[in-house]
Amino acid sequence: MLKYKPEFEETKKRWNYFWNRQLYKRPIVMSGCYKEGKENYPEDVFTLRYYRACNGLWKQQIEIFNQFAENFEFLGDGVPSFNPDFGPDQFAAFYGARLRFSENSKHTNWVKPIIDDWNKFLPLKFNPENETFQKLLKYTRLIADDSKGKYLVSDIDKHSNIDTLLALRGAEKLCMDLYDCPEIIENAMLSLRKDFPEICNHLYRAGIDNNGLGTAHSGFYSEKKIGVVQADFICMMSPEMFRRFVLPAIEEEIEYYDDSYFHFDGPGALKHIDDILSIKKLRVFQWQAGEGQRPNFQWLDVLKKAQKAGKAVHIFGNSQQSLTPEIVKQLHKELNPVDVVYDGVAVKNRKEFEELENWLEKNT
């Protein structure tokens, strides 16, 4: 049992069924709401987490998360967890780039490209003593110590493989490099691929393995090793270049994990969907339509295509339209319940969620 998830054992059982491509009573559903009387709790838990992490405000961030979790109900199958992220470009920082913030936008960070001349930078080599990486490990250990018996330490947001090169080189130059010096990019990708397991292994030993209790990421849970794989830059690549430079890295990263899902980002990436769906070991396909697009649950053609390929789909709303219980009921008639995860279902209270849960059990 976890303090913030009293029904953790039941939740584990349901996730075990899911990863084994089986159904336990109903599909996976994750939701949450503030406890009665706590509805006005300030929602700044995650907004400044990168800023606090990079600036050593670790105890403050951990205290803020605990205060939030004390006042929040993690409904359904979502497992309470917190990750030690330093920002979306942290993998690039492991190779020497410096994470930067703007005083006007402390909610995220970035790095300035540091590769101007490949010949001066190659070969790419991860150094475990890298300052940012060592700080990340220390932060992970601190969260792991605090989490025991309460919540899980979640895996970090990995913009690895080609996204790391994007941050280190810059989009325009990397696009040209694919034509002008493809062998250099191929060699750089080989180096990143070689380093990936070492980086992940360090993180797991630091606390992401939760002392054998299982692994988590954004509510998802596995008794084994779960991981999110992504490559956002592929929206700017042709299918031929994607298959040459990136697909092997994605396949290796998915192979590294016991249970995995792929974050597929933006309409520009749709030209690669068949290649992604052909990866046998991939379990979950997360379609992120992107800013200005309709929410992912309205892309039934994409979702059904993924399910037809034997993948589970991750369903959620966006800032324009929430995933409501009524929408879940409509989708339940269209999608295979064995291969779906409904996430962030918008409910006002536990009673409203339990009504949806009961409906799903009766209609599955």
Foldseek 3Di string as FASTA:
>chain_A
DAALCPPQVVLQVQLVCLLVLHGDLFFAEKAKAFPPPCRPPDPCLQQQLLVCLVVVVLVVSLVSLVVVSVGMHTDTNFFDEEESENAAQVVLLQQPWDWDDDPVRNSHTATAADDPDLVVRPPGAGDCVRPSNVSSLVSQLVSLVVRPRHGAYADYNDQFQVSSVCRNHPLVVVVVCCVVPVVSLQSNSVNRLVCVVVSVVSSVVSGQCSVQCWHDDRRRTHSFFEDEDEHASCLVPDLVSCVRRPLVSRLSVLVSGQAYEYEQEAPSRVNCLVVVLQNVSHAEYEYHHDPPDAAPLVPLVSQVVSVVSVHAYEHAHDPVDGQELVNVVVVPVVDDSSRYHYYHHDDHDPVRVVVSSVVRSVVD
